[in-house]
Structure formats: structure tokens, C-alpha cells
């Protein structure tokens, strides 16, 4: 029986810089450790943010949505980004342009 080397780079057919794919890359999911790093400015969601997200998921599953009025013009807004800034897209663009 011959002793096998532990390095794949010993054979001339393989490159030292080969890449491997993991199973989670094949299915389209992403490793969250690589995405949400503190040094990239990610802050873990607070307890309140998690509670709001859970409530929104329950409402969505029941067929309901969340809407509110824009603080500037009073039009109804429903998108998550608009709800977070309390303004619709047009009013938010005006607010940025006025600054």
C-alpha cells in the first residue's frame, strides 16, 4: 500500500488555486456570516425591530398590509423603505434636494 500525500497541489493536473463550491452556494442561499459583518457597518436588529418584523410577517400571512400617510403630503405609503423614513419617494427626493 502506498502512502498518499495530503496536498492536492502535488499532482500536476490540479492547480494550487482551485476553488471549491459548497452545497449552500448551489442552492442559492448565502452564508450570513459573510454578509453581515460588524466592520461593514451592520448592526444586529434590536428587539423592537425583530418584534415589528414578526408582526408584519403575521399580517402579511393573514392577507393584510401596513400603510400610513406621508408626513409631508398625506398620501398613503406602503413600501418598507417609505415606511421606514415616514415619507413617500417623491417627498423624500424633495427633502434631499432642499438640503
N, C-alpha and C. Protein backbone atom coordinates (compact mmCIF):
# COMPACT_ATOMS: atom_id res chain seq x y z
N UNK A 1 0.86 -1.17 0.00
CA UNK A 1 0.00 0.00 0.00
C UNK A 1 0.90 1.23 0.00
N UNK A 2 0.58 2.17 -0.86
CA UNK A 2 1.40 3.37 -0.96
C UNK A 2 0.82 4.46 -0.08
N UNK A 3 1.68 5.32 0.36
CA UNK A 3 1.27 6.43 1.21
C UNK A 3 0.81 7.58 0.32
N UNK A 4 -0.36 8.13 0.59
CA UNK A 4 -0.90 9.24 -0.22
C UNK A 4 -0.55 10.56 0.43
N UNK A 5 -0.28 11.51 -0.40
CA UNK A 5 0.03 12.84 0.10
C UNK A 5 -1.27 13.56 0.45
N UNK A 6 -1.20 14.42 1.45
CA UNK A 6 -2.38 15.15 1.87
C UNK A 6 -2.68 16.37 1.02
N UNK A 7 -1.75 16.79 0.19
CA UNK A 7 -1.94 18.00 -0.61
C UNK A 7 -2.36 17.65 -2.03
N UNK A 8 -3.39 18.32 -2.51
CA UNK A 8 -3.85 18.10 -3.88
C UNK A 8 -2.94 18.79 -4.87
N UNK A 9 -2.16 19.75 -4.43
CA UNK A 9 -1.30 20.51 -5.34
C UNK A 9 -0.09 19.71 -5.78
N UNK A 10 0.15 18.52 -5.19
CA UNK A 10 1.29 17.71 -5.57
C UNK A 10 1.14 17.14 -6.97
N UNK A 11 -0.07 16.90 -7.41
CA UNK A 11 -0.25 16.35 -8.75
C UNK A 11 -0.26 17.49 -9.76
N UNK A 12 0.34 17.28 -10.93
CA UNK A 12 0.41 18.35 -11.92
C UNK A 12 -0.93 18.68 -12.55
N UNK A 13 -1.92 17.80 -12.41
CA UNK A 13 -3.22 18.05 -13.04
C UNK A 13 -4.05 19.07 -12.27
N UNK A 14 -3.74 19.28 -11.00
CA UNK A 14 -4.53 20.21 -10.20
C UNK A 14 -3.75 21.49 -9.96
N UNK A 15 -4.45 22.55 -9.86
CA UNK A 15 -3.83 23.85 -9.61
C UNK A 15 -3.82 24.14 -8.12
N UNK A 16 -2.90 24.95 -7.71
CA UNK A 16 -2.83 25.34 -6.31
C UNK A 16 -3.97 26.29 -5.95
N UNK A 17 -4.52 26.98 -6.93
CA UNK A 17 -5.54 27.98 -6.70
C UNK A 17 -6.91 27.49 -7.16
N UNK A 18 -7.26 26.29 -6.86
CA UNK A 18 -8.57 25.78 -7.24
C UNK A 18 -9.62 26.33 -6.28
N UNK A 19 -10.81 26.47 -6.77
CA UNK A 19 -11.90 26.93 -5.94
C UNK A 19 -12.87 25.78 -5.73
N UNK A 20 -13.48 25.77 -4.60
CA UNK A 20 -14.47 24.74 -4.31
C UNK A 20 -15.81 25.41 -4.09
N UNK A 21 -16.84 24.69 -4.38
CA UNK A 21 -18.19 25.21 -4.13
C UNK A 21 -18.81 24.38 -3.03
N UNK A 22 -19.46 25.05 -2.14
CA UNK A 22 -20.15 24.37 -1.05
C UNK A 22 -21.59 24.12 -1.46
N UNK A 23 -22.25 23.28 -0.74
CA UNK A 23 -23.63 22.94 -1.06
C UNK A 23 -24.56 24.14 -0.95
N UNK A 24 -24.30 25.04 0.01
CA UNK A 24 -25.21 26.17 0.18
C UNK A 24 -25.09 27.18 -0.97
N UNK A 25 -23.99 27.17 -1.69
CA UNK A 25 -23.87 28.05 -2.85
C UNK A 25 -24.67 27.51 -4.02
N UNK A 26 -24.77 26.20 -4.12
CA UNK A 26 -25.51 25.60 -5.22
C UNK A 26 -27.01 25.82 -5.09
N UNK A 27 -27.52 25.93 -3.88
CA UNK A 27 -28.96 26.07 -3.70
C UNK A 27 -29.42 27.52 -3.72
N UNK A 28 -28.49 28.45 -3.81
CA UNK A 28 -28.88 29.85 -3.90
C UNK A 28 -28.91 30.56 -2.57
N UNK A 29 -28.68 29.86 -1.47
CA UNK A 29 -28.64 30.53 -0.17
C UNK A 29 -27.25 31.10 0.05
N UNK A 30 -27.16 32.06 0.92
CA UNK A 30 -25.90 32.74 1.15
C UNK A 30 -25.51 32.59 2.61
N UNK A 31 -24.24 32.44 2.84
CA UNK A 31 -23.74 32.34 4.19
C UNK A 31 -23.86 33.69 4.86
N UNK A 32 -24.71 33.80 5.89
CA UNK A 32 -24.97 35.09 6.51
C UNK A 32 -23.77 35.65 7.24
N UNK A 33 -22.84 34.81 7.64
CA UNK A 33 -21.66 35.30 8.33
C UNK A 33 -20.84 36.19 7.40
N UNK A 34 -20.83 35.87 6.14
CA UNK A 34 -20.07 36.67 5.17
C UNK A 34 -20.78 37.97 4.82
N UNK A 35 -22.09 38.01 4.95
CA UNK A 35 -22.84 39.20 4.55
C UNK A 35 -22.92 40.26 5.64
N UNK A 36 -23.18 39.85 6.84
CA UNK A 36 -23.45 40.78 7.92
C UNK A 36 -22.26 40.87 8.87
N UNK A 37 -21.30 41.66 8.48
CA UNK A 37 -20.11 41.81 9.31
C UNK A 37 -20.13 43.17 9.99
N UNK A 38 -19.75 43.19 11.26
CA UNK A 38 -19.77 44.42 12.04
C UNK A 38 -18.88 45.49 11.41
N UNK A 39 -17.73 45.10 10.86
CA UNK A 39 -16.82 46.08 10.27
C UNK A 39 -17.39 46.69 8.99
N UNK A 40 -18.41 46.09 8.41
CA UNK A 40 -19.06 46.66 7.23
C UNK A 40 -20.21 47.58 7.60
N UNK A 41 -20.43 47.80 8.87
CA UNK A 41 -21.48 48.71 9.31
C UNK A 41 -22.78 48.03 9.67
N UNK A 42 -22.80 46.71 9.70
CA UNK A 42 -24.03 46.01 10.06
C UNK A 42 -24.22 46.03 11.56
N UNK A 43 -25.39 46.38 11.99
CA UNK A 43 -25.74 46.29 13.40
C UNK A 43 -26.89 45.30 13.52
N UNK A 44 -26.80 44.42 14.46
CA UNK A 44 -27.85 43.43 14.66
C UNK A 44 -29.17 44.14 14.96
N UNK A 45 -30.28 43.60 14.49
CA UNK A 45 -31.57 44.24 14.76
C UNK A 45 -31.88 44.24 16.24
N UNK A 46 -32.53 45.31 16.66
CA UNK A 46 -32.92 45.43 18.06
C UNK A 46 -34.13 44.54 18.32
N UNK A 47 -34.48 44.40 19.58
CA UNK A 47 -35.64 43.60 19.95
C UNK A 47 -36.92 44.20 19.35
N UNK A 48 -37.00 45.52 19.35
CA UNK A 48 -38.17 46.19 18.78
C UNK A 48 -38.27 45.94 17.28
N UNK A 49 -37.15 46.01 16.57
CA UNK A 49 -37.16 45.76 15.13
C UNK A 49 -37.55 44.33 14.81
N UNK A 50 -37.09 43.38 15.61
CA UNK A 50 -37.48 41.98 15.41
C UNK A 50 -38.97 41.78 15.67
N UNK A 51 -39.50 42.44 16.68
CA UNK A 51 -40.93 42.34 17.00
C UNK A 51 -41.78 42.91 15.88
N UNK A 52 -41.37 44.07 15.35
CA UNK A 52 -42.11 44.68 14.25
C UNK A 52 -42.06 43.79 13.01
N UNK A 53 -40.90 43.20 12.73
CA UNK A 53 -40.78 42.31 11.57
C UNK A 53 -41.66 41.07 11.73
N UNK A 54 -41.72 40.53 12.95
CA UNK A 54 -42.59 39.36 13.18
C UNK A 54 -44.06 39.73 13.03
N UNK A 55 -44.44 40.90 13.53
CA UNK A 55 -45.83 41.34 13.39
C UNK A 55 -46.19 41.56 11.93
N UNK A 56 -45.27 42.15 11.16
CA UNK A 56 -45.52 42.37 9.74
C UNK A 56 -45.66 41.05 9.01
N UNK A 57 -44.87 40.05 9.39
CA UNK A 57 -44.96 38.73 8.75
C UNK A 57 -46.30 38.07 9.05
N UNK A 58 -46.78 38.21 10.28
CA UNK A 58 -48.09 37.64 10.64
C UNK A 58 -49.20 38.33 9.86
N UNK A 59 -49.13 39.66 9.76
CA UNK A 59 -50.15 40.39 8.99
C UNK A 59 -50.13 40.00 7.52
N UNK A 60 -48.92 39.88 6.96
CA UNK A 60 -48.81 39.52 5.54
C UNK A 60 -49.36 38.12 5.30
N UNK A 61 -49.09 37.19 6.22
CA UNK A 61 -49.60 35.83 6.08
C UNK A 61 -51.13 35.81 6.15
N UNK A 62 -51.71 36.73 6.89
CA UNK A 62 -53.17 36.80 7.01
C UNK A 62 -53.81 37.59 5.87
N UNK A 63 -52.98 38.17 4.99
CA UNK A 63 -53.52 38.90 3.84
C UNK A 63 -53.63 40.40 4.06
N UNK A 64 -53.08 40.89 5.15
CA UNK A 64 -53.12 42.32 5.44
C UNK A 64 -51.79 42.97 5.10
N UNK A 65 -51.79 44.27 5.02
CA UNK A 65 -50.57 45.03 4.79
C UNK A 65 -50.50 46.20 5.74
N UNK A 66 -49.36 46.84 5.75
CA UNK A 66 -49.17 48.01 6.60
C UNK A 66 -49.11 49.24 5.72
N UNK A 67 -49.85 50.26 6.08
CA UNK A 67 -49.85 51.51 5.34
C UNK A 67 -49.95 52.66 6.33
N UNK A 68 -49.44 53.80 5.92
CA UNK A 68 -49.58 55.01 6.72
C UNK A 68 -49.56 56.20 5.78
N UNK A 69 -49.77 57.36 6.30
CA UNK A 69 -49.77 58.57 5.50
C UNK A 69 -48.40 59.23 5.53
N UNK A 70 -47.99 59.78 4.39
CA UNK A 70 -46.74 60.52 4.30
C UNK A 70 -46.82 61.75 5.21
N UNK A 71 -45.75 62.02 5.92
CA UNK A 71 -45.75 63.16 6.84
C UNK A 71 -45.85 64.50 6.11
N UNK A 72 -45.36 64.55 4.87
CA UNK A 72 -45.35 65.81 4.13
C UNK A 72 -46.63 66.06 3.34
N UNK A 73 -47.05 65.08 2.53
CA UNK A 73 -48.18 65.32 1.63
C UNK A 73 -49.45 64.59 2.03
N UNK A 74 -49.36 63.59 2.90
CA UNK A 74 -50.55 62.89 3.34
C UNK A 74 -50.98 61.73 2.46
N UNK A 75 -50.26 61.45 1.38
CA UNK A 75 -50.61 60.31 0.53
C UNK A 75 -50.28 59.01 1.26
N UNK A 76 -51.05 57.95 0.99
CA UNK A 76 -50.74 56.68 1.64
C UNK A 76 -49.44 56.07 1.09
N UNK A 77 -48.64 55.50 1.98
CA UNK A 77 -47.41 54.82 1.57
C UNK A 77 -47.44 53.40 2.13
N UNK A 78 -46.89 52.46 1.36
CA UNK A 78 -46.92 51.06 1.77
C UNK A 78 -45.57 50.37 1.67
N UNK A 79 -44.62 50.91 0.91
CA UNK A 79 -43.33 50.21 0.76
C UNK A 79 -42.54 50.30 2.06
N UNK A 80 -41.72 49.28 2.28
CA UNK A 80 -40.95 49.20 3.53
C UNK A 80 -39.99 50.38 3.67
N UNK A 81 -39.34 50.78 2.58
CA UNK A 81 -38.39 51.89 2.64
C UNK A 81 -39.11 53.19 2.96
N UNK A 82 -40.26 53.40 2.36
CA UNK A 82 -41.03 54.62 2.63
C UNK A 82 -41.56 54.63 4.06
N UNK A 83 -42.00 53.49 4.54
CA UNK A 83 -42.49 53.41 5.92
C UNK A 83 -41.37 53.69 6.90
N UNK A 84 -40.16 53.26 6.59
CA UNK A 84 -39.04 53.47 7.49
C UNK A 84 -38.67 54.95 7.60
N UNK A 85 -38.78 55.67 6.49
CA UNK A 85 -38.41 57.10 6.53
C UNK A 85 -39.62 58.02 6.73
N UNK A 86 -40.83 57.43 6.81
CA UNK A 86 -42.09 58.14 7.07
C UNK A 86 -42.45 59.13 5.96
N UNK A 87 -41.88 58.95 4.79
CA UNK A 87 -42.16 59.82 3.64
C UNK A 87 -42.24 58.96 2.39
N UNK A 88 -43.05 59.39 1.46
CA UNK A 88 -43.11 58.73 0.17
C UNK A 88 -41.86 59.04 -0.66
N UNK A 89 -41.69 58.37 -1.79
CA UNK A 89 -40.47 58.56 -2.58
C UNK A 89 -40.32 59.99 -3.13
N UNK A 90 -41.42 60.61 -3.55
CA UNK A 90 -41.34 61.97 -4.09
C UNK A 90 -40.98 62.98 -3.02
N UNK A 91 -41.61 62.85 -1.86
CA UNK A 91 -41.33 63.79 -0.76
C UNK A 91 -39.92 63.58 -0.22
N UNK A 92 -39.45 62.34 -0.21
CA UNK A 92 -38.08 62.07 0.25
C UNK A 92 -37.08 62.68 -0.73
N UNK A 93 -37.36 62.61 -2.03
CA UNK A 93 -36.46 63.20 -3.03
C UNK A 93 -36.45 64.73 -2.90
N UNK A 94 -37.62 65.30 -2.63
CA UNK A 94 -37.69 66.76 -2.41
C UNK A 94 -36.90 67.17 -1.18
N UNK A 95 -37.01 66.39 -0.12
CA UNK A 95 -36.31 66.70 1.12
C UNK A 95 -34.80 66.65 0.92
N UNK A 96 -34.32 65.71 0.13
CA UNK A 96 -32.89 65.62 -0.15
C UNK A 96 -32.45 66.77 -1.04
N UNK A 97 -33.26 67.14 -2.02
CA UNK A 97 -32.93 68.23 -2.94
C UNK A 97 -32.92 69.58 -2.22
N UNK A 98 -33.76 69.74 -1.22
CA UNK A 98 -33.83 71.02 -0.49
C UNK A 98 -32.64 71.21 0.44
N UNK A 99 -32.01 70.13 0.86
CA UNK A 99 -30.87 70.26 1.79
C UNK A 99 -29.63 70.79 1.12
